[in-house]
């Protein structure tokens, strides 16, 4: 089971036989099971889907925490890097999410995640948290001493948006992209929302938008959930699902949203131009804002 996302898919396609078809490619990228379902002329669809693994491999070389030699692992090892344009864009998106959530989204939690995962003392790692201490421009990214970044709460959405943009530029008008988060080109696509404790909780329909879902209880690090509050905050929701125009922002904001009250989520919905906010509490009550 995917460690953060609990969206399941049931989608119907209507295509003219012998002219167009809906085909699906599946694989793994950035630690998640991924898929792209694409409608269009058979030859064009087949070629576009065949190109997906290469595109995903490129993003793995940039953002993966676990691939030796990736740009992110080199940055974490040396504290500085000359970034690819995609890395610069992703860090800027992270800063936007950081601002929108008043610091609740913070990719500098990686040392804390490692400390909790290995049973080490988390206190020193907590002192390293702070995205404001990361300096960057188009030519360089510099971390403060001891800092490390994780893009696990935003990179999948970023890559989802990138694949959607690529398919759009290639002339496709109907696709469902799932690179750990979902984005729809055209639609409608029917998605089911589930919670790791309470199971299936309902459905939503996605057309030309993105959706991201976070469930803190999907994985635990000792006494804490795997989604870490930068100041030690405790999750307030069992599952949060956000729908809006950008998978990148929906991904990052859903990570932070598990720590936000209903009033704060309502404000976030307006500020981030989200179309739908769905939360499930510990008792299994579903609320849509």
C-alpha atoms as a PDB file:
ATOM      1  CA  UNK A   1       0.000   0.000   0.000  1.00  0.00           C
ATOM      2  CA  UNK A   2       1.236   3.467  -0.861  1.00  0.00           C
ATOM      3  CA  UNK A   3       2.575   5.067   2.310  1.00  0.00           C
ATOM      4  CA  UNK A   4       0.679   8.369   1.996  1.00  0.00           C
ATOM      5  CA  UNK A   5      -2.024   8.094  -0.639  1.00  0.00           C
ATOM      6  CA  UNK A   6      -5.281   6.241  -0.401  1.00  0.00           C
ATOM      7  CA  UNK A   7      -7.011   7.074  -3.657  1.00  0.00           C
ATOM      8  CA  UNK A   8      -8.425   4.296  -5.761  1.00  0.00           C
ATOM      9  CA  UNK A   9      -9.592   4.582  -9.330  1.00  0.00           C
ATOM     10  CA  UNK A  10     -12.686   3.588 -11.191  1.00  0.00           C
ATOM     11  CA  UNK A  11     -12.890   5.363 -14.538  1.00  0.00           C
ATOM     12  CA  UNK A  12     -14.988   4.844 -17.643  1.00  0.00           C
ATOM     13  CA  UNK A  13     -13.790   5.662 -21.148  1.00  0.00           C
ATOM     14  CA  UNK A  14     -15.779   6.114 -24.354  1.00  0.00           C
ATOM     15  CA  UNK A  15     -13.656   5.737 -27.493  1.00  0.00           C
ATOM     16  CA  UNK A  16     -14.433   5.082 -31.128  1.00  0.00           C
ATOM     17  CA  UNK A  17     -13.315   1.535 -31.986  1.00  0.00           C
ATOM     18  CA  UNK A  18     -10.327   1.214 -34.345  1.00  0.00           C
ATOM     19  CA  UNK A  19      -9.693   4.979 -34.096  1.00  0.00           C
ATOM     20  CA  UNK A  20      -9.025   5.772 -30.460  1.00  0.00           C
ATOM     21  CA  UNK A  21      -8.476   3.785 -27.323  1.00  0.00           C
ATOM     22  CA  UNK A  22      -7.751   4.166 -23.653  1.00  0.00           C
ATOM     23  CA  UNK A  23      -4.528   2.456 -22.675  1.00  0.00           C
ATOM     24  CA  UNK A  24      -2.739   2.330 -19.336  1.00  0.00           C
ATOM     25  CA  UNK A  25       0.946   2.153 -18.449  1.00  0.00           C
ATOM     26  CA  UNK A  26       1.899   1.158 -14.900  1.00  0.00           C
ATOM     27  CA  UNK A  27       5.211   1.146 -13.061  1.00  0.00           C
ATOM     28  CA  UNK A  28       7.031   2.564 -10.024  1.00  0.00           C
ATOM     29  CA  UNK A  29       8.635   5.954  -9.490  1.00  0.00           C
ATOM     30  CA  UNK A  30       9.629   8.076  -6.501  1.00  0.00           C
ATOM     31  CA  UNK A  31       8.687   5.306  -4.102  1.00  0.00           C
ATOM     32  CA  UNK A  32       5.135   4.855  -5.376  1.00  0.00           C
ATOM     33  CA  UNK A  33       3.132   2.695  -7.744  1.00  0.00           C
ATOM     34  CA  UNK A  34       2.306   4.937 -10.694  1.00  0.00           C
ATOM     35  CA  UNK A  35       0.143   4.816 -13.783  1.00  0.00           C
ATOM     36  CA  UNK A  36      -0.889   6.862 -16.789  1.00  0.00           C
ATOM     37  CA  UNK A  37      -4.156   6.159 -18.590  1.00  0.00           C
ATOM     38  CA  UNK A  38      -4.297   7.874 -21.950  1.00  0.00           C
ATOM     39  CA  UNK A  39      -6.992   8.143 -24.620  1.00  0.00           C
ATOM     40  CA  UNK A  40      -6.241   8.879 -28.264  1.00  0.00           C
ATOM     41  CA  UNK A  41      -5.231   7.350 -31.590  1.00  0.00           C
ATOM     42  CA  UNK A  42      -3.649   3.972 -31.020  1.00  0.00           C
ATOM     43  CA  UNK A  43      -0.192   4.625 -32.450  1.00  0.00           C
ATOM     44  CA  UNK A  44       0.177   8.022 -30.793  1.00  0.00           C
ATOM     45  CA  UNK A  45      -1.056   6.672 -27.468  1.00  0.00           C
ATOM     46  CA  UNK A  46       1.299   3.711 -27.579  1.00  0.00           C
ATOM     47  CA  UNK A  47       4.314   5.925 -28.304  1.00  0.00           C
ATOM     48  CA  UNK A  48       3.417   8.455 -25.617  1.00  0.00           C
ATOM     49  CA  UNK A  49       3.050   5.750 -22.984  1.00  0.00           C
ATOM     50  CA  UNK A  50       6.310   4.126 -24.073  1.00  0.00           C
ATOM     51  CA  UNK A  51       8.062   7.443 -23.393  1.00  0.00           C
ATOM     52  CA  UNK A  52       6.781   7.702 -19.797  1.00  0.00           C
ATOM     53  CA  UNK A  53       9.477   5.553 -18.098  1.00  0.00           C
ATOM     54  CA  UNK A  54      12.292   7.667 -19.557  1.00  0.00           C
ATOM     55  CA  UNK A  55      10.646  10.870 -18.352  1.00  0.00           C
ATOM     56  CA  UNK A  56      10.145   9.439 -14.883  1.00  0.00           C
ATOM     57  CA  UNK A  57      13.727   8.219 -14.802  1.00  0.00           C
ATOM     58  CA  UNK A  58      14.883  11.770 -15.427  1.00  0.00           C
ATOM     59  CA  UNK A  59      12.946  13.032 -12.415  1.00  0.00           C
ATOM     60  CA  UNK A  60      14.302  10.183 -10.297  1.00  0.00           C
ATOM     61  CA  UNK A  61      17.835  11.412 -11.044  1.00  0.00           C
ATOM     62  CA  UNK A  62      16.815  14.795  -9.654  1.00  0.00           C
ATOM     63  CA  UNK A  63      14.510  14.216  -6.677  1.00  0.00           C
ATOM     64  CA  UNK A  64      15.056  10.688  -5.351  1.00  0.00           C
ATOM     65  CA  UNK A  65      16.256  10.334  -1.765  1.00  0.00           C
ATOM     66  CA  UNK A  66      17.326   6.759  -2.414  1.00  0.00           C
ATOM     67  CA  UNK A  67      19.093   6.836  -5.771  1.00  0.00           C
ATOM     68  CA  UNK A  68      22.846   7.240  -5.431  1.00  0.00           C
ATOM     69  CA  UNK A  69      24.026  10.281  -7.334  1.00  0.00           C
ATOM     70  CA  UNK A  70      20.644  11.975  -7.628  1.00  0.00           C
ATOM     71  CA  UNK A  71      20.742  15.745  -7.367  1.00  0.00           C
ATOM     72  CA  UNK A  72      18.942  15.582  -4.031  1.00  0.00           C
ATOM     73  CA  UNK A  73      21.296  13.028  -2.496  1.00  0.00           C
ATOM     74  CA  UNK A  74      24.283  15.090  -3.659  1.00  0.00           C
ATOM     75  CA  UNK A  75      22.747  18.231  -2.160  1.00  0.00           C
ATOM     76  CA  UNK A  76      22.129  16.484   1.150  1.00  0.00           C
ATOM     77  CA  UNK A  77      25.661  15.062   1.186  1.00  0.00           C
ATOM     78  CA  UNK A  78      27.511  18.283   0.313  1.00  0.00           C
ATOM     79  CA  UNK A  79      25.129  21.027   1.421  1.00  0.00           C
ATOM     80  CA  UNK A  80      25.218  22.782  -1.927  1.00  0.00           C
ATOM     81  CA  UNK A  81      24.477  22.148  -5.581  1.00  0.00           C
ATOM     82  CA  UNK A  82      24.096  23.858  -8.926  1.00  0.00           C
ATOM     83  CA  UNK A  83      20.476  22.934  -9.553  1.00  0.00           C
ATOM     84  CA  UNK A  84      18.710  21.783 -12.664  1.00  0.00           C
ATOM     85  CA  UNK A  85      15.814  24.092 -13.625  1.00  0.00           C
ATOM     86  CA  UNK A  86      13.348  21.496 -12.334  1.00  0.00           C
ATOM     87  CA  UNK A  87      15.020  21.500  -8.914  1.00  0.00           C
ATOM     88  CA  UNK A  88      14.848  25.283  -8.754  1.00  0.00           C
ATOM     89  CA  UNK A  89      11.164  25.204  -9.706  1.00  0.00           C
ATOM     90  CA  UNK A  90      10.389  22.509  -7.133  1.00  0.00           C
ATOM     91  CA  UNK A  91      12.130  24.407  -4.339  1.00  0.00           C
ATOM     92  CA  UNK A  92      10.187  27.551  -5.250  1.00  0.00           C
ATOM     93  CA  UNK A  93       6.953  25.558  -5.080  1.00  0.00           C
ATOM     94  CA  UNK A  94       8.023  24.257  -1.672  1.00  0.00           C
ATOM     95  CA  UNK A  95       8.578  27.830  -0.502  1.00  0.00           C
ATOM     96  CA  UNK A  96       5.098  28.747  -1.740  1.00  0.00           C
ATOM     97  CA  UNK A  97       3.560  25.860   0.199  1.00  0.00           C
ATOM     98  CA  UNK A  98       5.642  26.789   3.246  1.00  0.00           C
ATOM     99  CA  UNK A  99       4.217  30.330   3.124  1.00  0.00           C
ATOM    100  CA  UNK A 100       0.632  29.199   2.511  1.00  0.00           C
ATOM    101  CA  UNK A 101       0.756  26.885   5.536  1.00  0.00           C
ATOM    102  CA  UNK A 102       2.618  29.245   7.882  1.00  0.00           C
ATOM    103  CA  UNK A 103       5.572  26.886   7.934  1.00  0.00           C
ATOM    104  CA  UNK A 104       3.699  23.618   8.464  1.00  0.00           C
ATOM    105  CA  UNK A 105       5.065  22.323   5.176  1.00  0.00           C
ATOM    106  CA  UNK A 106       8.833  22.192   5.595  1.00  0.00           C
ATOM    107  CA  UNK A 107      11.086  19.872   3.563  1.00  0.00           C
ATOM    108  CA  UNK A 108      13.987  20.347   6.010  1.00  0.00           C
ATOM    109  CA  UNK A 109      12.462  17.681   8.304  1.00  0.00           C
ATOM    110  CA  UNK A 110      14.579  14.955   6.667  1.00  0.00           C
ATOM    111  CA  UNK A 111      17.159  14.697   9.525  1.00  0.00           C
ATOM    112  CA  UNK A 112      14.268  14.349  11.982  1.00  0.00           C
ATOM    113  CA  UNK A 113      12.694  11.612   9.852  1.00  0.00           C
ATOM    114  CA  UNK A 114      16.009   9.752   9.796  1.00  0.00           C
ATOM    115  CA  UNK A 115      16.480  10.111  13.556  1.00  0.00           C
ATOM    116  CA  UNK A 116      13.027   8.733  14.297  1.00  0.00           C
ATOM    117  CA  UNK A 117      13.386   5.933  11.750  1.00  0.00           C
ATOM    118  CA  UNK A 118      16.667   4.762  13.293  1.00  0.00           C
ATOM    119  CA  UNK A 119      15.811   5.333  16.952  1.00  0.00           C
ATOM    120  CA  UNK A 120      18.344   8.142  17.368  1.00  0.00           C
ATOM    121  CA  UNK A 121      17.837  11.157  19.630  1.00  0.00           C
ATOM    122  CA  UNK A 122      15.536  13.505  17.654  1.00  0.00           C
ATOM    123  CA  UNK A 123      16.434  16.666  19.609  1.00  0.00           C
ATOM    124  CA  UNK A 124      19.506  17.651  17.524  1.00  0.00           C
ATOM    125  CA  UNK A 125      17.586  17.026  14.302  1.00  0.00           C
ATOM    126  CA  UNK A 126      14.713  19.261  15.398  1.00  0.00           C
ATOM    127  CA  UNK A 127      17.151  22.160  15.744  1.00  0.00           C
ATOM    128  CA  UNK A 128      18.050  21.855  12.047  1.00  0.00           C
ATOM    129  CA  UNK A 129      14.506  22.426  10.777  1.00  0.00           C
ATOM    130  CA  UNK A 130      13.819  25.681   8.991  1.00  0.00           C
ATOM    131  CA  UNK A 131      13.275  26.262   5.267  1.00  0.00           C
ATOM    132  CA  UNK A 132      14.167  29.934   5.751  1.00  0.00           C
ATOM    133  CA  UNK A 133      17.762  28.816   6.375  1.00  0.00           C
ATOM    134  CA  UNK A 134      18.010  27.311   2.867  1.00  0.00           C
ATOM    135  CA  UNK A 135      19.349  29.894   0.414  1.00  0.00           C
ATOM    136  CA  UNK A 136      18.871  29.560  -3.325  1.00  0.00           C
ATOM    137  CA  UNK A 137      18.783  31.235  -6.699  1.00  0.00           C
ATOM    138  CA  UNK A 138      18.811  29.993 -10.275  1.00  0.00           C
ATOM    139  CA  UNK A 139      22.483  29.024  -9.985  1.00  0.00           C
ATOM    140  CA  UNK A 140      22.827  27.498  -6.531  1.00  0.00           C
ATOM    141  CA  UNK A 141      21.124  25.938  -3.535  1.00  0.00           C
ATOM    142  CA  UNK A 142      22.854  26.074  -0.147  1.00  0.00           C
ATOM    143  CA  UNK A 143      21.745  24.261   2.995  1.00  0.00           C
ATOM    144  CA  UNK A 144      22.601  25.374   6.494  1.00  0.00           C
ATOM    145  CA  UNK A 145      25.150  23.105   8.231  1.00  0.00           C
ATOM    146  CA  UNK A 146      23.598  19.728   9.048  1.00  0.00           C
ATOM    147  CA  UNK A 147      20.414  20.316   7.069  1.00  0.00           C
ATOM    148  CA  UNK A 148      18.967  17.863   4.582  1.00  0.00           C
ATOM    149  CA  UNK A 149      15.897  18.105   2.364  1.00  0.00           C
ATOM    150  CA  UNK A 150      13.163  15.653   1.495  1.00  0.00           C
ATOM    151  CA  UNK A 151      10.788  16.314  -1.378  1.00  0.00           C
ATOM    152  CA  UNK A 152       8.642  13.269  -0.610  1.00  0.00           C
ATOM    153  CA  UNK A 153       5.705  15.538   0.203  1.00  0.00           C
ATOM    154  CA  UNK A 154       5.799  17.492  -3.055  1.00  0.00           C
ATOM    155  CA  UNK A 155       7.896  15.821  -5.777  1.00  0.00           C
ATOM    156  CA  UNK A 156       5.232  13.304  -6.764  1.00  0.00           C
ATOM    157  CA  UNK A 157       2.743  16.102  -7.381  1.00  0.00           C
ATOM    158  CA  UNK A 158       5.375  18.069  -9.303  1.00  0.00           C
ATOM    159  CA  UNK A 159       6.101  15.121 -11.590  1.00  0.00           C
ATOM    160  CA  UNK A 160       2.375  14.474 -12.019  1.00  0.00           C
ATOM    161  CA  UNK A 161       1.966  18.059 -13.259  1.00  0.00           C
ATOM    162  CA  UNK A 162       4.998  17.715 -15.532  1.00  0.00           C
ATOM    163  CA  UNK A 163       3.659  14.563 -17.197  1.00  0.00           C
ATOM    164  CA  UNK A 164       0.262  16.199 -17.641  1.00  0.00           C
ATOM    165  CA  UNK A 165       1.887  19.265 -19.251  1.00  0.00           C
ATOM    166  CA  UNK A 166       3.913  17.033 -21.585  1.00  0.00           C
ATOM    167  CA  UNK A 167       0.832  15.126 -22.733  1.00  0.00           C
ATOM    168  CA  UNK A 168      -1.064  18.378 -23.244  1.00  0.00           C
ATOM    169  CA  UNK A 169       1.733  19.783 -25.399  1.00  0.00           C
ATOM    170  CA  UNK A 170       1.669  16.571 -27.440  1.00  0.00           C
ATOM    171  CA  UNK A 171      -1.984  17.228 -28.284  1.00  0.00           C
ATOM    172  CA  UNK A 172      -3.738  14.780 -25.983  1.00  0.00           C
ATOM    173  CA  UNK A 173      -6.998  15.897 -24.392  1.00  0.00           C
ATOM    174  CA  UNK A 174      -7.936  13.007 -22.119  1.00  0.00           C
ATOM    175  CA  UNK A 175      -5.657  11.344 -19.596  1.00  0.00           C
ATOM    176  CA  UNK A 176      -5.450  10.390 -15.958  1.00  0.00           C
ATOM    177  CA  UNK A 177      -1.949  10.712 -14.518  1.00  0.00           C
ATOM    178  CA  UNK A 178      -1.045   9.101 -11.211  1.00  0.00           C
ATOM    179  CA  UNK A 179       2.562   9.658 -10.155  1.00  0.00           C
ATOM    180  CA  UNK A 180       1.709   9.290  -6.481  1.00  0.00           C
ATOM    181  CA  UNK A 181      -0.903  12.037  -6.906  1.00  0.00           C
ATOM    182  CA  UNK A 182      -3.651  12.243  -9.496  1.00  0.00           C
ATOM    183  CA  UNK A 183      -4.154  14.839 -12.217  1.00  0.00           C
ATOM    184  CA  UNK A 184      -6.869  14.683 -14.861  1.00  0.00           C
ATOM    185  CA  UNK A 185      -6.563  15.980 -18.391  1.00  0.00           C
ATOM    186  CA  UNK A 186     -10.175  16.216 -19.448  1.00  0.00           C
ATOM    187  CA  UNK A 187     -12.478  13.793 -17.720  1.00  0.00           C
ATOM    188  CA  UNK A 188     -14.598  13.098 -15.849  1.00  0.00           C
ATOM    189  CA  UNK A 189     -12.757  10.459 -13.831  1.00  0.00           C
ATOM    190  CA  UNK A 190     -14.321   8.884 -10.758  1.00  0.00           C
ATOM    191  CA  UNK A 191     -11.966   8.358  -7.829  1.00  0.00           C
ATOM    192  CA  UNK A 192     -12.631   6.621  -4.552  1.00  0.00           C
ATOM    193  CA  UNK A 193     -11.342   7.973  -1.248  1.00  0.00           C
ATOM    194  CA  UNK A 194     -10.263   5.533   1.462  1.00  0.00           C
ATOM    195  CA  UNK A 195      -8.788   5.829   4.931  1.00  0.00           C
ATOM    196  CA  UNK A 196      -6.221   3.295   6.211  1.00  0.00           C
ATOM    197  CA  UNK A 197      -8.327   2.586   9.314  1.00  0.00           C
ATOM    198  CA  UNK A 198     -11.897   3.163   8.167  1.00  0.00           C
ATOM    199  CA  UNK A 199     -11.656   1.854   4.612  1.00  0.00           C
ATOM    200  CA  UNK A 200     -13.668   3.173   1.677  1.00  0.00           C
ATOM    201  CA  UNK A 201     -15.281   6.522   2.472  1.00  0.00           C
ATOM    202  CA  UNK A 202     -16.774   7.810  -0.772  1.00  0.00           C
ATOM    203  CA  UNK A 203     -16.069   9.097  -4.265  1.00  0.00           C
ATOM    204  CA  UNK A 204     -15.173  12.290  -6.061  1.00  0.00           C
ATOM    205  CA  UNK A 205     -15.127  13.229  -9.747  1.00  0.00           C
ATOM    206  CA  UNK A 206     -12.056  14.803 -11.302  1.00  0.00           C
ATOM    207  CA  UNK A 207     -12.051  16.874 -14.505  1.00  0.00           C
ATOM    208  CA  UNK A 208      -9.037  19.002 -15.499  1.00  0.00           C
ATOM    209  CA  UNK A 209      -7.892  19.165 -11.892  1.00  0.00           C
ATOM    210  CA  UNK A 210      -5.594  17.406  -9.450  1.00  0.00           C
ATOM    211  CA  UNK A 211      -6.141  15.691  -6.132  1.00  0.00           C
ATOM    212  CA  UNK A 212      -3.750  14.696  -3.347  1.00  0.00           C
ATOM    213  CA  UNK A 213      -4.434  12.750  -0.182  1.00  0.00           C
ATOM    214  CA  UNK A 214      -2.406  12.314   3.008  1.00  0.00           C
ATOM    215  CA  UNK A 215      -3.019   9.813   5.805  1.00  0.00           C
ATOM    216  CA  UNK A 216      -0.586  10.218   8.717  1.00  0.00           C
ATOM    217  CA  UNK A 217      -1.392   6.836  10.239  1.00  0.00           C
ATOM    218  CA  UNK A 218      -0.331   4.900   7.157  1.00  0.00           C
ATOM    219  CA  UNK A 219       3.153   4.542   8.624  1.00  0.00           C
ATOM    220  CA  UNK A 220       4.585   5.208  12.064  1.00  0.00           C
ATOM    221  CA  UNK A 221       8.090   6.151  13.155  1.00  0.00           C
ATOM    222  CA  UNK A 222       8.187   4.937  16.737  1.00  0.00           C
ATOM    223  CA  UNK A 223       5.561   6.968  18.586  1.00  0.00           C
ATOM    224  CA  UNK A 224       5.108   9.490  15.747  1.00  0.00           C
ATOM    225  CA  UNK A 225       3.401   9.357  12.386  1.00  0.00           C
ATOM    226  CA  UNK A 226       5.524   9.558   9.260  1.00  0.00           C
ATOM    227  CA  UNK A 227       4.126  13.014   8.435  1.00  0.00           C
ATOM    228  CA  UNK A 228       6.120  15.194  10.791  1.00  0.00           C
ATOM    229  CA  UNK A 229       5.115  18.573  12.163  1.00  0.00           C
ATOM    230  CA  UNK A 230       8.176  20.848  12.002  1.00  0.00           C
ATOM    231  CA  UNK A 231       7.525  22.093  15.550  1.00  0.00           C
ATOM    232  CA  UNK A 232       6.325  18.747  16.893  1.00  0.00           C
ATOM    233  CA  UNK A 233       2.661  19.226  15.941  1.00  0.00           C
ATOM    234  CA  UNK A 234       0.328  16.236  16.216  1.00  0.00           C
ATOM    235  CA  UNK A 235      -1.947  15.392  13.260  1.00  0.00           C
ATOM    236  CA  UNK A 236      -5.558  16.449  13.743  1.00  0.00           C
ATOM    237  CA  UNK A 237      -7.014  14.291  10.950  1.00  0.00           C
ATOM    238  CA  UNK A 238      -6.786  10.669   9.921  1.00  0.00           C
ATOM    239  CA  UNK A 239      -6.950  11.575   6.222  1.00  0.00           C
ATOM    240  CA  UNK A 240      -6.979  14.845   4.287  1.00  0.00           C
ATOM    241  CA  UNK A 241      -7.738  15.129   0.570  1.00  0.00           C
ATOM    242  CA  UNK A 242      -7.263  18.364  -1.375  1.00  0.00           C
ATOM    243  CA  UNK A 243      -8.468  19.071  -4.896  1.00  0.00           C
ATOM    244  CA  UNK A 244      -7.299  21.993  -7.029  1.00  0.00           C
ATOM    245  CA  UNK A 245      -5.576  23.090 -10.239  1.00  0.00           C
ATOM    246  CA  UNK A 246      -2.033  22.005  -9.266  1.00  0.00           C
ATOM    247  CA  UNK A 247      -0.930  18.531  -8.170  1.00  0.00           C
ATOM    248  CA  UNK A 248       2.298  20.081  -6.897  1.00  0.00           C
ATOM    249  CA  UNK A 249       0.543  22.357  -4.433  1.00  0.00           C
ATOM    250  CA  UNK A 250      -2.159  19.833  -3.575  1.00  0.00           C
ATOM    251  CA  UNK A 251       0.580  17.341  -2.673  1.00  0.00           C
ATOM    252  CA  UNK A 252       2.489  19.751  -0.435  1.00  0.00           C
ATOM    253  CA  UNK A 253      -0.581  21.322   1.132  1.00  0.00           C
ATOM    254  CA  UNK A 254      -2.193  17.966   1.926  1.00  0.00           C
ATOM    255  CA  UNK A 255       0.967  17.057   3.846  1.00  0.00           C
ATOM    256  CA  UNK A 256       0.669  20.169   5.999  1.00  0.00           C
ATOM    257  CA  UNK A 257      -3.132  20.114   6.155  1.00  0.00           C
ATOM    258  CA  UNK A 258      -3.178  17.151   8.539  1.00  0.00           C
ATOM    259  CA  UNK A 259      -2.034  19.605  11.243  1.00  0.00           C
ATOM    260  CA  UNK A 260      -4.601  22.327  10.459  1.00  0.00           C
ATOM    261  CA  UNK A 261      -7.938  23.020  12.134  1.00  0.00           C
ATOM    262  CA  UNK A 262     -11.154  23.178  10.124  1.00  0.00           C
ATOM    263  CA  UNK A 263     -11.039  26.988  10.207  1.00  0.00           C
ATOM    264  CA  UNK A 264      -7.441  27.003   9.008  1.00  0.00           C
ATOM    265  CA  UNK A 265      -8.344  24.597   6.209  1.00  0.00           C
ATOM    266  CA  UNK A 266     -11.192  26.847   5.097  1.00  0.00           C
ATOM    267  CA  UNK A 267      -8.744  29.757   4.902  1.00  0.00           C
ATOM    268  CA  UNK A 268      -6.225  27.612   3.032  1.00  0.00           C
ATOM    269  CA  UNK A 269      -8.896  26.598   0.528  1.00  0.00           C
ATOM    270  CA  UNK A 270      -9.417  30.258  -0.360  1.00  0.00           C
ATOM    271  CA  UNK A 271      -5.753  31.275  -0.369  1.00  0.00           C
ATOM    272  CA  UNK A 272      -4.598  28.320  -2.463  1.00  0.00           C
ATOM    273  CA  UNK A 273      -7.612  28.338  -4.824  1.00  0.00           C
ATOM    274  CA  UNK A 274      -8.573  24.796  -3.894  1.00  0.00           C
ATOM    275  CA  UNK A 275     -11.924  23.538  -5.148  1.00  0.00           C
ATOM    276  CA  UNK A 276     -12.499  20.872  -2.505  1.00  0.00           C
ATOM    277  CA  UNK A 277     -11.159  19.940   0.929  1.00  0.00           C
ATOM    278  CA  UNK A 278     -12.189  16.610   2.447  1.00  0.00           C
ATOM    279  CA  UNK A 279     -11.150  15.462   5.921  1.00  0.00           C
ATOM    280  CA  UNK A 280     -11.722  12.267   7.876  1.00  0.00           C
ATOM    281  CA  UNK A 281     -11.314  12.383  11.638  1.00  0.00           C
ATOM    282  CA  UNK A 282     -10.118   9.644  13.976  1.00  0.00           C
ATOM    283  CA  UNK A 283     -13.685   8.360  14.452  1.00  0.00           C
ATOM    284  CA  UNK A 284     -14.228   8.029  10.723  1.00  0.00           C
ATOM    285  CA  UNK A 285     -16.428  11.101  10.227  1.00  0.00           C
ATOM    286  CA  UNK A 286     -16.030  12.585   6.745  1.00  0.00           C
ATOM    287  CA  UNK A 287     -16.424  16.342   6.266  1.00  0.00           C
ATOM    288  CA  UNK A 288     -16.157  18.291   3.010  1.00  0.00           C
ATOM    289  CA  UNK A 289     -15.313  21.997   3.056  1.00  0.00           C
END
